C-alpha atoms as a PDB file:
ATOM      1  CA  MET A   1      28.636 -31.159  71.196  1.00  0.00           C
ATOM      2  CA  SER A   2      26.125 -29.776  68.698  1.00  0.00           C
ATOM      3  CA  VAL A   3      26.967 -28.459  65.229  1.00  0.00           C
ATOM      4  CA  ARG A   4      25.232 -25.337  64.096  1.00  0.00           C
ATOM      5  CA  PHE A   5      25.081 -24.201  60.468  1.00  0.00           C
ATOM      6  CA  THR A   6      24.421 -20.598  59.673  1.00  0.00           C
ATOM      7  CA  THR A   7      22.815 -19.053  56.626  1.00  0.00           C
ATOM      8  CA  ARG A   8      26.082 -17.297  55.862  1.00  0.00           C
ATOM      9  CA  ALA A   9      27.926 -20.606  55.568  1.00  0.00           C
ATOM     10  CA  ARG A  10      25.275 -22.073  53.262  1.00  0.00           C
ATOM     11  CA  THR A  11      25.264 -18.944  51.098  1.00  0.00           C
ATOM     12  CA  GLY A  12      29.050 -19.124  50.820  1.00  0.00           C
ATOM     13  CA  ALA A  13      28.857 -22.777  49.766  1.00  0.00           C
ATOM     14  CA  VAL A  14      26.237 -22.039  47.122  1.00  0.00           C
ATOM     15  CA  ALA A  15      28.312 -19.136  45.786  1.00  0.00           C
ATOM     16  CA  LEU A  16      31.364 -21.420  45.604  1.00  0.00           C
ATOM     17  CA  VAL A  17      29.436 -24.063  43.640  1.00  0.00           C
ATOM     18  CA  VAL A  18      28.041 -21.446  41.211  1.00  0.00           C
ATOM     19  CA  ALA A  19      31.486 -19.886  40.721  1.00  0.00           C
ATOM     20  CA  ALA A  20      33.030 -23.295  40.040  1.00  0.00           C
ATOM     21  CA  GLY A  21      30.307 -24.073  37.491  1.00  0.00           C
ATOM     22  CA  LEU A  22      30.874 -20.780  35.706  1.00  0.00           C
ATOM     23  CA  CYS A  23      34.621 -21.373  35.577  1.00  0.00           C
ATOM     24  CA  LEU A  24      34.107 -24.803  34.036  1.00  0.00           C
ATOM     25  CA  GLY A  25      31.639 -23.366  31.514  1.00  0.00           C
ATOM     26  CA  VAL A  26      34.066 -20.633  30.458  1.00  0.00           C
ATOM     27  CA  ALA A  27      36.942 -23.089  30.215  1.00  0.00           C
ATOM     28  CA  GLY A  28      34.831 -25.447  28.090  1.00  0.00           C
ATOM     29  CA  CYS A  29      33.872 -22.668  25.669  1.00  0.00           C
ATOM     30  CA  GLY A  30      37.222 -20.921  25.534  1.00  0.00           C
ATOM     31  CA  GLY A  31      39.345 -22.993  23.182  1.00  0.00           C
ATOM     32  CA  GLY A  32      39.230 -24.281  19.671  1.00  0.00           C
ATOM     33  CA  GLY A  33      37.760 -21.186  18.058  1.00  0.00           C
ATOM     34  CA  ASP A  34      40.848 -20.250  16.078  1.00  0.00           C
ATOM     35  CA  SER A  35      42.946 -22.265  13.677  1.00  0.00           C
ATOM     36  CA  GLU A  36      46.728 -22.450  13.944  1.00  0.00           C
ATOM     37  CA  ASP A  37      47.192 -19.298  11.843  1.00  0.00           C
ATOM     38  CA  GLY A  38      45.010 -17.282  14.258  1.00  0.00           C
ATOM     39  CA  LYS A  39      42.041 -16.942  11.875  1.00  0.00           C
ATOM     40  CA  PRO A  40      38.589 -17.997  13.070  1.00  0.00           C
ATOM     41  CA  LYS A  41      37.454 -21.453  12.008  1.00  0.00           C
ATOM     42  CA  VAL A  42      34.358 -21.787   9.821  1.00  0.00           C
ATOM     43  CA  SER A  43      32.144 -24.736  10.640  1.00  0.00           C
ATOM     44  CA  ALA A  44      31.334 -27.094   7.794  1.00  0.00           C
ATOM     45  CA  SER A  45      27.580 -26.791   8.304  1.00  0.00           C
ATOM     46  CA  ALA A  46      27.660 -22.987   8.190  1.00  0.00           C
ATOM     47  CA  SER A  47      29.850 -22.847   5.113  1.00  0.00           C
ATOM     48  CA  LYS A  48      27.852 -25.455   3.176  1.00  0.00           C
ATOM     49  CA  GLY A  49      24.478 -24.010   4.087  1.00  0.00           C
ATOM     50  CA  ASP A  50      23.079 -27.354   5.311  1.00  0.00           C
ATOM     51  CA  ASP A  51      20.111 -25.660   6.974  1.00  0.00           C
ATOM     52  CA  PRO A  52      17.193 -25.923   4.515  1.00  0.00           C
ATOM     53  CA  ASN A  53      15.757 -22.683   5.925  1.00  0.00           C
ATOM     54  CA  PRO A  54      18.579 -20.127   6.091  1.00  0.00           C
ATOM     55  CA  SER A  55      16.254 -17.523   7.610  1.00  0.00           C
ATOM     56  CA  THR A  56      16.215 -19.588  10.808  1.00  0.00           C
ATOM     57  CA  GLN A  57      19.985 -19.463  11.213  1.00  0.00           C
ATOM     58  CA  GLU A  58      21.042 -17.197  14.047  1.00  0.00           C
ATOM     59  CA  GLY A  59      22.266 -13.887  12.725  1.00  0.00           C
ATOM     60  CA  SER A  60      20.944 -14.577   9.223  1.00  0.00           C
ATOM     61  CA  ASP A  61      20.465 -11.407   7.204  1.00  0.00           C
ATOM     62  CA  GLU A  62      18.545 -13.013   4.331  1.00  0.00           C
ATOM     63  CA  ILE A  63      15.685 -10.861   3.082  1.00  0.00           C
ATOM     64  CA  LEU A  64      12.811 -12.437   1.117  1.00  0.00           C
ATOM     65  CA  ALA A  65      11.429  -9.067   0.038  1.00  0.00           C
ATOM     66  CA  GLU A  66      12.035  -5.384   0.716  1.00  0.00           C
ATOM     67  CA  LEU A  67       8.915  -3.276   0.290  1.00  0.00           C
ATOM     68  CA  ARG A  68       8.888   0.522   0.324  1.00  0.00           C
ATOM     69  CA  GLY A  69       6.036   2.354   1.981  1.00  0.00           C
ATOM     70  CA  GLU A  70       4.956   5.911   2.652  1.00  0.00           C
ATOM     71  CA  GLY A  71       7.079   8.340   4.645  1.00  0.00           C
ATOM     72  CA  GLY A  72      10.374   6.516   4.079  1.00  0.00           C
ATOM     73  CA  LEU A  73       9.253   3.270   5.747  1.00  0.00           C
ATOM     74  CA  ILE A  74      10.689  -0.025   4.529  1.00  0.00           C
ATOM     75  CA  LEU A  75       9.272  -3.463   5.359  1.00  0.00           C
ATOM     76  CA  LYS A  76      11.919  -6.179   5.120  1.00  0.00           C
ATOM     77  CA  ILE A  77      10.354  -9.644   5.104  1.00  0.00           C
ATOM     78  CA  LYS A  78      12.821 -12.107   6.611  1.00  0.00           C
ATOM     79  CA  SER A  79      10.787 -15.327   6.733  1.00  0.00           C
ATOM     80  CA  ALA A  80       7.472 -16.860   5.734  1.00  0.00           C
ATOM     81  CA  ALA A  81       7.213 -20.253   7.412  1.00  0.00           C
ATOM     82  CA  ARG A  82       4.463 -22.851   7.594  1.00  0.00           C
ATOM     83  CA  ASP A  83       3.495 -23.849  11.123  1.00  0.00           C
ATOM     84  CA  ALA A  84       2.281 -27.308  12.142  1.00  0.00           C
ATOM     85  CA  GLY A  85      -1.214 -25.922  12.783  1.00  0.00           C
ATOM     86  CA  GLY A  86      -1.819 -24.980   9.136  1.00  0.00           C
ATOM     87  CA  PHE A  87      -0.708 -21.352   9.351  1.00  0.00           C
ATOM     88  CA  VAL A  88       1.942 -19.228   7.662  1.00  0.00           C
ATOM     89  CA  THR A  89       3.772 -16.766   9.887  1.00  0.00           C
ATOM     90  CA  VAL A  90       5.501 -13.885   8.128  1.00  0.00           C
ATOM     91  CA  ASN A  91       8.268 -12.223  10.162  1.00  0.00           C
ATOM     92  CA  GLY A  92      10.073  -9.070   9.248  1.00  0.00           C
ATOM     93  CA  GLU A  93      11.454  -5.724  10.249  1.00  0.00           C
ATOM     94  CA  LEU A  94       9.883  -2.320   9.772  1.00  0.00           C
ATOM     95  CA  LYS A  95      12.469   0.431   9.396  1.00  0.00           C
ATOM     96  CA  ASN A  96      12.249   4.198   9.075  1.00  0.00           C
ATOM     97  CA  ASP A  97      14.749   4.918   6.317  1.00  0.00           C
ATOM     98  CA  SER A  98      14.041   8.667   6.279  1.00  0.00           C
ATOM     99  CA  SER A  99      15.595  11.518   8.231  1.00  0.00           C
ATOM    100  CA  GLU A 100      12.272  12.391   9.907  1.00  0.00           C
ATOM    101  CA  PRO A 101      10.082  10.467  12.394  1.00  0.00           C
ATOM    102  CA  ALA A 102       7.472   8.275  10.667  1.00  0.00           C
ATOM    103  CA  ARG A 103       4.425   6.226  11.575  1.00  0.00           C
ATOM    104  CA  VAL A 104       2.760   3.338   9.726  1.00  0.00           C
ATOM    105  CA  SER A 105      -0.285   4.589   7.826  1.00  0.00           C
ATOM    106  CA  LEU A 106      -3.662   3.732   9.331  1.00  0.00           C
ATOM    107  CA  ARG A 107      -4.490   2.234   5.918  1.00  0.00           C
ATOM    108  CA  ALA A 108      -2.146  -0.691   6.745  1.00  0.00           C
ATOM    109  CA  ALA A 109      -4.891  -2.015   9.048  1.00  0.00           C
ATOM    110  CA  GLY A 110      -7.184  -2.484   6.049  1.00  0.00           C
ATOM    111  CA  VAL A 111     -10.843  -1.546   5.776  1.00  0.00           C
ATOM    112  CA  GLU A 112     -12.615  -4.227   7.815  1.00  0.00           C
ATOM    113  CA  THR A 113     -14.515  -2.695  10.732  1.00  0.00           C
ATOM    114  CA  GLU A 114     -13.771  -5.641  13.020  1.00  0.00           C
ATOM    115  CA  ILE A 115     -10.007  -5.141  12.637  1.00  0.00           C
ATOM    116  CA  LEU A 116     -10.138  -1.326  12.685  1.00  0.00           C
ATOM    117  CA  ARG A 117     -11.879  -1.203  16.061  1.00  0.00           C
ATOM    118  CA  HIS A 118      -8.770  -2.774  17.642  1.00  0.00           C
ATOM    119  CA  GLY A 119      -6.477   0.083  16.618  1.00  0.00           C
ATOM    120  CA  PRO A 120      -3.451   0.431  14.324  1.00  0.00           C
ATOM    121  CA  SER A 121      -2.073  -2.849  12.982  1.00  0.00           C
ATOM    122  CA  LEU A 122      -0.846  -4.647   9.877  1.00  0.00           C
ATOM    123  CA  GLY A 123      -4.285  -6.273   9.587  1.00  0.00           C
ATOM    124  CA  GLY A 124      -4.717  -5.273   5.947  1.00  0.00           C
ATOM    125  CA  ALA A 125      -1.920  -7.602   4.805  1.00  0.00           C
ATOM    126  CA  THR A 126      -2.772 -10.407   2.378  1.00  0.00           C
ATOM    127  CA  LEU A 127      -1.038 -13.290   0.634  1.00  0.00           C
ATOM    128  CA  VAL A 128      -2.126 -13.893  -2.965  1.00  0.00           C
ATOM    129  CA  ASP A 129      -1.722 -17.347  -4.512  1.00  0.00           C
ATOM    130  CA  SER A 130      -1.934 -16.603  -8.239  1.00  0.00           C
ATOM    131  CA  ALA A 131      -1.841 -20.279  -9.251  1.00  0.00           C
ATOM    132  CA  SER A 132      -4.937 -21.135  -7.166  1.00  0.00           C
ATOM    133  CA  LYS A 133      -6.465 -17.676  -7.634  1.00  0.00           C
ATOM    134  CA  LYS A 134      -6.918 -17.271  -3.872  1.00  0.00           C
ATOM    135  CA  ARG A 135      -6.266 -14.437  -1.441  1.00  0.00           C
ATOM    136  CA  TYR A 136      -5.427 -15.167   2.218  1.00  0.00           C
ATOM    137  CA  TYR A 137      -6.245 -12.534   4.841  1.00  0.00           C
ATOM    138  CA  VAL A 138      -4.595 -12.029   8.230  1.00  0.00           C
ATOM    139  CA  LEU A 139      -6.049 -14.354  10.867  1.00  0.00           C
ATOM    140  CA  ARG A 140      -8.028 -12.995  13.829  1.00  0.00           C
ATOM    141  CA  ASP A 141      -8.513 -14.218  17.380  1.00  0.00           C
ATOM    142  CA  THR A 142     -11.950 -14.910  18.861  1.00  0.00           C
ATOM    143  CA  ASP A 143     -12.356 -11.222  19.774  1.00  0.00           C
ATOM    144  CA  GLY A 144     -11.627 -10.083  16.208  1.00  0.00           C
ATOM    145  CA  ARG A 145      -8.096  -8.816  16.928  1.00  0.00           C
ATOM    146  CA  PRO A 146      -5.733  -9.384  13.978  1.00  0.00           C
ATOM    147  CA  LEU A 147      -2.843 -11.793  14.548  1.00  0.00           C
ATOM    148  CA  THR A 148      -0.241  -9.194  13.603  1.00  0.00           C
ATOM    149  CA  THR A 149       1.950  -6.624  15.249  1.00  0.00           C
ATOM    150  CA  THR A 150      -0.331  -3.914  16.654  1.00  0.00           C
ATOM    151  CA  ASN A 151       0.032  -0.445  18.182  1.00  0.00           C
ATOM    152  CA  MET A 152       3.308   0.258  16.427  1.00  0.00           C
ATOM    153  CA  PRO A 153       5.134   3.291  17.791  1.00  0.00           C
ATOM    154  CA  ARG A 154       6.240   6.318  15.855  1.00  0.00           C
ATOM    155  CA  LEU A 155       9.683   5.396  14.513  1.00  0.00           C
ATOM    156  CA  LYS A 156      12.578   7.817  14.830  1.00  0.00           C
ATOM    157  CA  ALA A 157      14.896   8.296  11.847  1.00  0.00           C
ATOM    158  CA  GLY A 158      16.845   5.053  11.325  1.00  0.00           C
ATOM    159  CA  GLU A 159      14.835   3.146  13.963  1.00  0.00           C
ATOM    160  CA  SER A 160      13.416  -0.317  13.274  1.00  0.00           C
ATOM    161  CA  ILE A 161      11.061  -2.761  15.017  1.00  0.00           C
ATOM    162  CA  PRO A 162      10.294  -6.463  14.479  1.00  0.00           C
ATOM    163  CA  VAL A 163       6.866  -7.258  13.023  1.00  0.00           C
ATOM    164  CA  PHE A 164       4.815 -10.373  12.278  1.00  0.00           C
ATOM    165  CA  MET A 165       1.602 -11.406  10.526  1.00  0.00           C
ATOM    166  CA  GLN A 166      -0.136 -14.791  10.561  1.00  0.00           C
ATOM    167  CA  PHE A 167      -2.234 -16.195   7.697  1.00  0.00           C
ATOM    168  CA  PRO A 168      -4.020 -19.445   6.823  1.00  0.00           C
ATOM    169  CA  ALA A 169      -1.558 -21.626   4.895  1.00  0.00           C
ATOM    170  CA  PRO A 170      -2.003 -22.044   1.151  1.00  0.00           C
ATOM    171  CA  PRO A 171      -1.886 -25.641  -0.186  1.00  0.00           C
ATOM    172  CA  ALA A 172       1.377 -27.493   0.462  1.00  0.00           C
ATOM    173  CA  GLU A 173       2.356 -27.341  -3.219  1.00  0.00           C
ATOM    174  CA  THR A 174       2.199 -23.523  -3.152  1.00  0.00           C
ATOM    175  CA  SER A 175       5.593 -22.112  -2.254  1.00  0.00           C
ATOM    176  CA  GLU A 176       5.473 -18.685  -3.905  1.00  0.00           C
ATOM    177  CA  VAL A 177       2.917 -15.990  -3.081  1.00  0.00           C
ATOM    178  CA  SER A 178       2.536 -12.263  -3.520  1.00  0.00           C
ATOM    179  CA  PHE A 179       2.609 -10.291  -0.261  1.00  0.00           C
ATOM    180  CA  GLN A 180       0.477  -7.141  -0.181  1.00  0.00           C
ATOM    181  CA  LEU A 181       0.077  -4.495   2.519  1.00  0.00           C
ATOM    182  CA  PRO A 182      -1.845  -1.230   1.987  1.00  0.00           C
ATOM    183  CA  SER A 183       0.477   1.799   1.674  1.00  0.00           C
ATOM    184  CA  PHE A 184       3.457  -0.459   0.751  1.00  0.00           C
ATOM    185  CA  ALA A 185       4.646  -1.864  -2.564  1.00  0.00           C
ATOM    186  CA  SER A 186       3.805  -5.536  -3.111  1.00  0.00           C
ATOM    187  CA  GLY A 187       6.382  -8.281  -3.538  1.00  0.00           C
ATOM    188  CA  THR A 188       6.792 -11.996  -4.166  1.00  0.00           C
ATOM    189  CA  ILE A 189       7.957 -14.174  -1.261  1.00  0.00           C
ATOM    190  CA  GLN A 190       8.825 -17.847  -0.829  1.00  0.00           C
ATOM    191  CA  ILE A 191       7.080 -19.904   1.849  1.00  0.00           C
ATOM    192  CA  SER A 192       9.294 -22.418   3.652  1.00  0.00           C
ATOM    193  CA  GLY A 193       8.271 -25.603   5.428  1.00  0.00           C
END
């Protein structure tokens, strides 16, 4: 007597294993979230702020700087972190705070021909280290493209998009720099890491 397995039987077995795994996962995550009085528990690490870089915490709303630009645009800088490779990556959010559609000014790309030929960008951004009297420009790849958010869309009223810019890192002892972007106000930010 020979035994024959069909694809349908194997598919059913796989589905059963996946369903069992999901049930166990849900059961493992389901309890312990509320205290006896029904209020949510607060973890000790979240309440004490043990993370040295709060901007990396999930859901963190910390803003290092809020810079107003033309046409009702606001650039909220959320982090400026040193990378292992000797770079500083600035992350933020660009929001249209007006009641009309708005677009980032072409001036935000700066005046360098090499950057301008790659289209709209935040390539004109700089970090200024007043203590060392140095200005750091946005990095470029081997083709001259700026290492920033590029080709930003026209933003509807209230709409926002994430943005980034990457710079050479100032010396390790420099933690405070001035951030400048053409067509936006400048502001002081703290570099972490």
